[in-house]
N, C-alpha and C. Protein backbone atom coordinates (compact mmCIF):
# COMPACT_ATOMS: atom_id res chain seq x y z
N MET A 1 -14.30 -6.51 3.12
CA MET A 1 -12.85 -6.51 3.19
C MET A 1 -12.33 -5.20 2.58
N ASP A 2 -11.41 -4.56 3.27
CA ASP A 2 -10.81 -3.33 2.78
C ASP A 2 -9.75 -3.64 1.72
N THR A 3 -9.74 -2.81 0.69
CA THR A 3 -8.73 -2.94 -0.35
C THR A 3 -7.97 -1.62 -0.44
N THR A 4 -6.66 -1.71 -0.39
CA THR A 4 -5.84 -0.53 -0.54
C THR A 4 -5.85 -0.10 -1.99
N GLN A 5 -6.01 1.20 -2.22
CA GLN A 5 -5.99 1.72 -3.58
C GLN A 5 -4.89 2.76 -3.72
N LEU A 6 -4.22 2.70 -4.84
CA LEU A 6 -3.14 3.63 -5.15
C LEU A 6 -3.60 4.55 -6.26
N ALA A 7 -3.60 5.85 -6.02
CA ALA A 7 -3.93 6.84 -7.04
C ALA A 7 -2.61 7.34 -7.63
N ILE A 8 -2.48 7.23 -8.95
CA ILE A 8 -1.28 7.67 -9.64
C ILE A 8 -1.65 8.87 -10.51
N PHE A 9 -0.96 9.97 -10.26
CA PHE A 9 -1.21 11.20 -11.02
C PHE A 9 -0.02 11.49 -11.92
N ILE A 10 -0.30 12.07 -13.06
CA ILE A 10 0.74 12.57 -13.94
C ILE A 10 0.65 14.08 -13.90
N GLN A 11 1.78 14.72 -13.63
CA GLN A 11 1.83 16.18 -13.58
C GLN A 11 2.87 16.65 -14.58
N ASP A 12 2.52 17.69 -15.32
CA ASP A 12 3.40 18.24 -16.33
C ASP A 12 3.54 19.74 -16.11
N VAL A 13 4.75 20.24 -16.28
CA VAL A 13 5.01 21.67 -16.23
C VAL A 13 5.64 22.04 -17.58
N ASP A 14 4.99 22.96 -18.32
CA ASP A 14 5.51 23.32 -19.63
C ASP A 14 6.53 24.47 -19.52
N ASN A 15 7.00 24.92 -20.67
CA ASN A 15 8.03 25.97 -20.70
C ASN A 15 7.57 27.29 -20.10
N GLU A 16 6.27 27.52 -20.05
CA GLU A 16 5.73 28.76 -19.48
C GLU A 16 5.26 28.55 -18.04
N PHE A 17 5.64 27.43 -17.46
CA PHE A 17 5.33 27.06 -16.07
C PHE A 17 3.83 26.85 -15.82
N ASN A 18 3.10 26.47 -16.88
CA ASN A 18 1.71 26.06 -16.71
C ASN A 18 1.72 24.62 -16.20
N ILE A 19 0.94 24.36 -15.18
CA ILE A 19 0.92 23.04 -14.56
C ILE A 19 -0.36 22.32 -14.93
N THR A 20 -0.20 21.09 -15.41
CA THR A 20 -1.33 20.23 -15.72
C THR A 20 -1.17 18.96 -14.88
N GLU A 21 -2.24 18.56 -14.23
CA GLU A 21 -2.20 17.34 -13.42
C GLU A 21 -3.46 16.53 -13.71
N GLU A 22 -3.26 15.24 -13.97
CA GLU A 22 -4.39 14.35 -14.25
C GLU A 22 -4.22 13.03 -13.52
N LEU A 23 -5.34 12.49 -13.08
CA LEU A 23 -5.34 11.15 -12.51
C LEU A 23 -5.15 10.18 -13.66
N SER A 24 -4.07 9.43 -13.64
CA SER A 24 -3.78 8.52 -14.75
C SER A 24 -4.20 7.09 -14.46
N SER A 25 -4.26 6.75 -13.17
CA SER A 25 -4.60 5.37 -12.84
C SER A 25 -5.03 5.26 -11.38
N LEU A 26 -5.97 4.39 -11.14
CA LEU A 26 -6.38 4.03 -9.78
C LEU A 26 -6.26 2.52 -9.70
N VAL A 27 -5.31 2.06 -8.91
CA VAL A 27 -4.95 0.64 -8.87
C VAL A 27 -5.32 0.04 -7.52
N SER A 28 -6.03 -1.08 -7.54
CA SER A 28 -6.33 -1.81 -6.31
C SER A 28 -5.15 -2.71 -5.96
N LEU A 29 -4.69 -2.60 -4.74
CA LEU A 29 -3.58 -3.44 -4.26
C LEU A 29 -4.17 -4.43 -3.27
N LYS A 30 -4.45 -5.61 -3.72
CA LYS A 30 -5.11 -6.63 -2.91
C LYS A 30 -4.15 -7.24 -1.89
N ASP A 31 -4.55 -7.19 -0.64
CA ASP A 31 -3.84 -7.85 0.47
C ASP A 31 -2.38 -7.45 0.63
N THR A 32 -1.98 -6.31 0.09
CA THR A 32 -0.59 -5.90 0.25
C THR A 32 -0.45 -4.41 0.05
N ASN A 33 0.53 -3.85 0.68
CA ASN A 33 0.92 -2.48 0.37
C ASN A 33 2.44 -2.39 0.30
N ARG A 34 3.05 -3.53 0.00
CA ARG A 34 4.50 -3.58 -0.11
C ARG A 34 4.98 -2.80 -1.31
N PHE A 35 6.23 -2.39 -1.27
CA PHE A 35 6.76 -1.54 -2.33
C PHE A 35 6.77 -2.23 -3.69
N VAL A 36 6.86 -3.57 -3.72
CA VAL A 36 6.88 -4.27 -5.01
C VAL A 36 5.58 -4.03 -5.76
N ALA A 37 4.46 -4.13 -5.06
CA ALA A 37 3.17 -3.89 -5.69
C ALA A 37 3.05 -2.44 -6.14
N LEU A 38 3.54 -1.51 -5.31
CA LEU A 38 3.52 -0.09 -5.69
C LEU A 38 4.38 0.15 -6.92
N TYR A 39 5.57 -0.41 -6.89
CA TYR A 39 6.51 -0.23 -8.01
C TYR A 39 5.92 -0.77 -9.31
N GLU A 40 5.36 -1.96 -9.27
CA GLU A 40 4.78 -2.56 -10.48
C GLU A 40 3.63 -1.73 -11.01
N ALA A 41 2.81 -1.17 -10.12
CA ALA A 41 1.69 -0.33 -10.55
C ALA A 41 2.19 0.95 -11.21
N VAL A 42 3.21 1.57 -10.63
CA VAL A 42 3.77 2.80 -11.21
C VAL A 42 4.43 2.50 -12.55
N LYS A 43 5.18 1.42 -12.63
CA LYS A 43 5.87 1.07 -13.87
C LYS A 43 4.86 0.73 -14.98
N ALA A 44 3.80 0.00 -14.65
CA ALA A 44 2.78 -0.34 -15.65
C ALA A 44 2.05 0.91 -16.15
N THR A 45 1.76 1.82 -15.23
CA THR A 45 1.10 3.07 -15.63
C THR A 45 2.03 3.90 -16.51
N SER A 46 3.29 3.96 -16.16
CA SER A 46 4.27 4.69 -16.98
C SER A 46 4.33 4.12 -18.38
N ALA A 47 4.37 2.81 -18.49
CA ALA A 47 4.42 2.15 -19.80
C ALA A 47 3.15 2.42 -20.60
N ARG A 48 2.01 2.41 -19.92
CA ARG A 48 0.74 2.65 -20.60
C ARG A 48 0.68 4.04 -21.25
N PHE A 49 1.37 5.01 -20.64
CA PHE A 49 1.38 6.36 -21.17
C PHE A 49 2.69 6.68 -21.90
N PHE A 50 3.49 5.63 -22.21
CA PHE A 50 4.74 5.78 -22.95
C PHE A 50 5.71 6.74 -22.25
N LEU A 51 5.79 6.65 -20.93
CA LEU A 51 6.69 7.47 -20.15
C LEU A 51 7.85 6.61 -19.66
N THR A 52 9.01 7.24 -19.49
CA THR A 52 10.14 6.53 -18.89
C THR A 52 10.17 6.88 -17.41
N MET A 53 10.98 6.18 -16.68
CA MET A 53 11.12 6.46 -15.26
C MET A 53 12.01 7.68 -15.03
N SER A 54 12.70 8.12 -16.06
CA SER A 54 13.53 9.32 -15.96
C SER A 54 12.62 10.53 -15.76
N GLY A 55 12.95 11.33 -14.77
CA GLY A 55 12.12 12.50 -14.47
C GLY A 55 10.96 12.20 -13.53
N MET A 56 10.88 10.97 -13.06
CA MET A 56 9.80 10.57 -12.16
C MET A 56 10.03 11.18 -10.78
N VAL A 57 8.99 11.69 -10.19
CA VAL A 57 9.05 12.25 -8.85
C VAL A 57 8.04 11.52 -7.99
N THR A 58 8.44 11.16 -6.79
CA THR A 58 7.54 10.48 -5.88
C THR A 58 7.35 11.29 -4.61
N ILE A 59 6.22 11.10 -3.99
CA ILE A 59 5.98 11.66 -2.66
C ILE A 59 6.19 10.51 -1.70
N SER A 60 7.18 10.62 -0.85
CA SER A 60 7.59 9.49 -0.02
C SER A 60 6.64 9.21 1.13
N THR A 61 6.32 7.96 1.25
CA THR A 61 5.58 7.42 2.39
C THR A 61 6.46 6.32 2.98
N PRO A 62 6.15 5.79 4.17
CA PRO A 62 7.02 4.76 4.75
C PRO A 62 7.30 3.58 3.82
N ALA A 63 6.33 3.14 3.02
CA ALA A 63 6.56 2.02 2.12
C ALA A 63 7.46 2.39 0.94
N MET A 64 7.66 3.68 0.73
CA MET A 64 8.42 4.13 -0.42
C MET A 64 9.86 4.47 -0.09
N VAL A 65 10.20 4.53 1.17
CA VAL A 65 11.53 4.97 1.58
C VAL A 65 12.37 3.78 2.03
N GLY A 66 13.59 3.73 1.57
CA GLY A 66 14.52 2.67 1.95
C GLY A 66 15.76 2.80 1.11
N LYS A 67 16.91 2.58 1.67
CA LYS A 67 18.16 2.81 0.93
C LYS A 67 18.37 1.81 -0.19
N LYS A 68 17.88 0.57 -0.04
CA LYS A 68 18.13 -0.44 -1.06
C LYS A 68 16.85 -0.91 -1.76
N GLU A 69 15.74 -0.97 -1.04
CA GLU A 69 14.54 -1.56 -1.62
C GLU A 69 13.33 -0.65 -1.64
N GLY A 70 13.45 0.56 -1.17
CA GLY A 70 12.30 1.45 -1.13
C GLY A 70 11.88 1.86 -2.53
N GLN A 71 10.61 2.20 -2.67
CA GLN A 71 10.04 2.62 -3.94
C GLN A 71 10.86 3.75 -4.57
N THR A 72 11.20 4.73 -3.78
CA THR A 72 11.95 5.87 -4.29
C THR A 72 13.30 5.44 -4.84
N THR A 73 14.01 4.58 -4.14
CA THR A 73 15.31 4.10 -4.59
C THR A 73 15.19 3.31 -5.88
N VAL A 74 14.20 2.44 -5.98
CA VAL A 74 14.01 1.62 -7.18
C VAL A 74 13.69 2.52 -8.37
N ILE A 75 12.84 3.52 -8.19
CA ILE A 75 12.51 4.43 -9.29
C ILE A 75 13.75 5.24 -9.70
N GLU A 76 14.52 5.70 -8.72
CA GLU A 76 15.75 6.43 -9.06
C GLU A 76 16.70 5.57 -9.85
N ASN A 77 16.83 4.30 -9.51
CA ASN A 77 17.71 3.41 -10.25
C ASN A 77 17.21 3.20 -11.67
N ASP A 78 15.88 3.07 -11.86
CA ASP A 78 15.31 2.95 -13.21
C ASP A 78 15.54 4.22 -14.00
N ALA A 79 15.41 5.37 -13.35
CA ALA A 79 15.62 6.65 -14.04
C ALA A 79 17.05 6.75 -14.55
N LYS A 80 18.00 6.28 -13.76
CA LYS A 80 19.40 6.31 -14.19
C LYS A 80 19.60 5.43 -15.42
N LYS A 81 18.91 4.30 -15.49
CA LYS A 81 19.01 3.41 -16.66
C LYS A 81 18.39 4.07 -17.89
N ASP A 82 17.24 4.75 -17.71
CA ASP A 82 16.53 5.38 -18.82
C ASP A 82 17.18 6.68 -19.27
N GLY A 83 17.83 7.38 -18.32
CA GLY A 83 18.36 8.72 -18.59
C GLY A 83 19.69 8.65 -19.24
């Protein structure tokens, strides 16, 4: 049986524009690729590294785009609460 996996990376740019990128989490999404599962995985990873949703950037895929329920919209709404 195939299992969808989500790779979550953390990327940082410092004041001198040095870029650091690390794989922070690899999450198995069993039997689903809906945005709720994606959102929960991103939020849990953020909490694990003591990050807020403010400043979060996503690379949009079809499951992440939507005016009311897409991953990107949900993260933007959380960022507004945190910011």
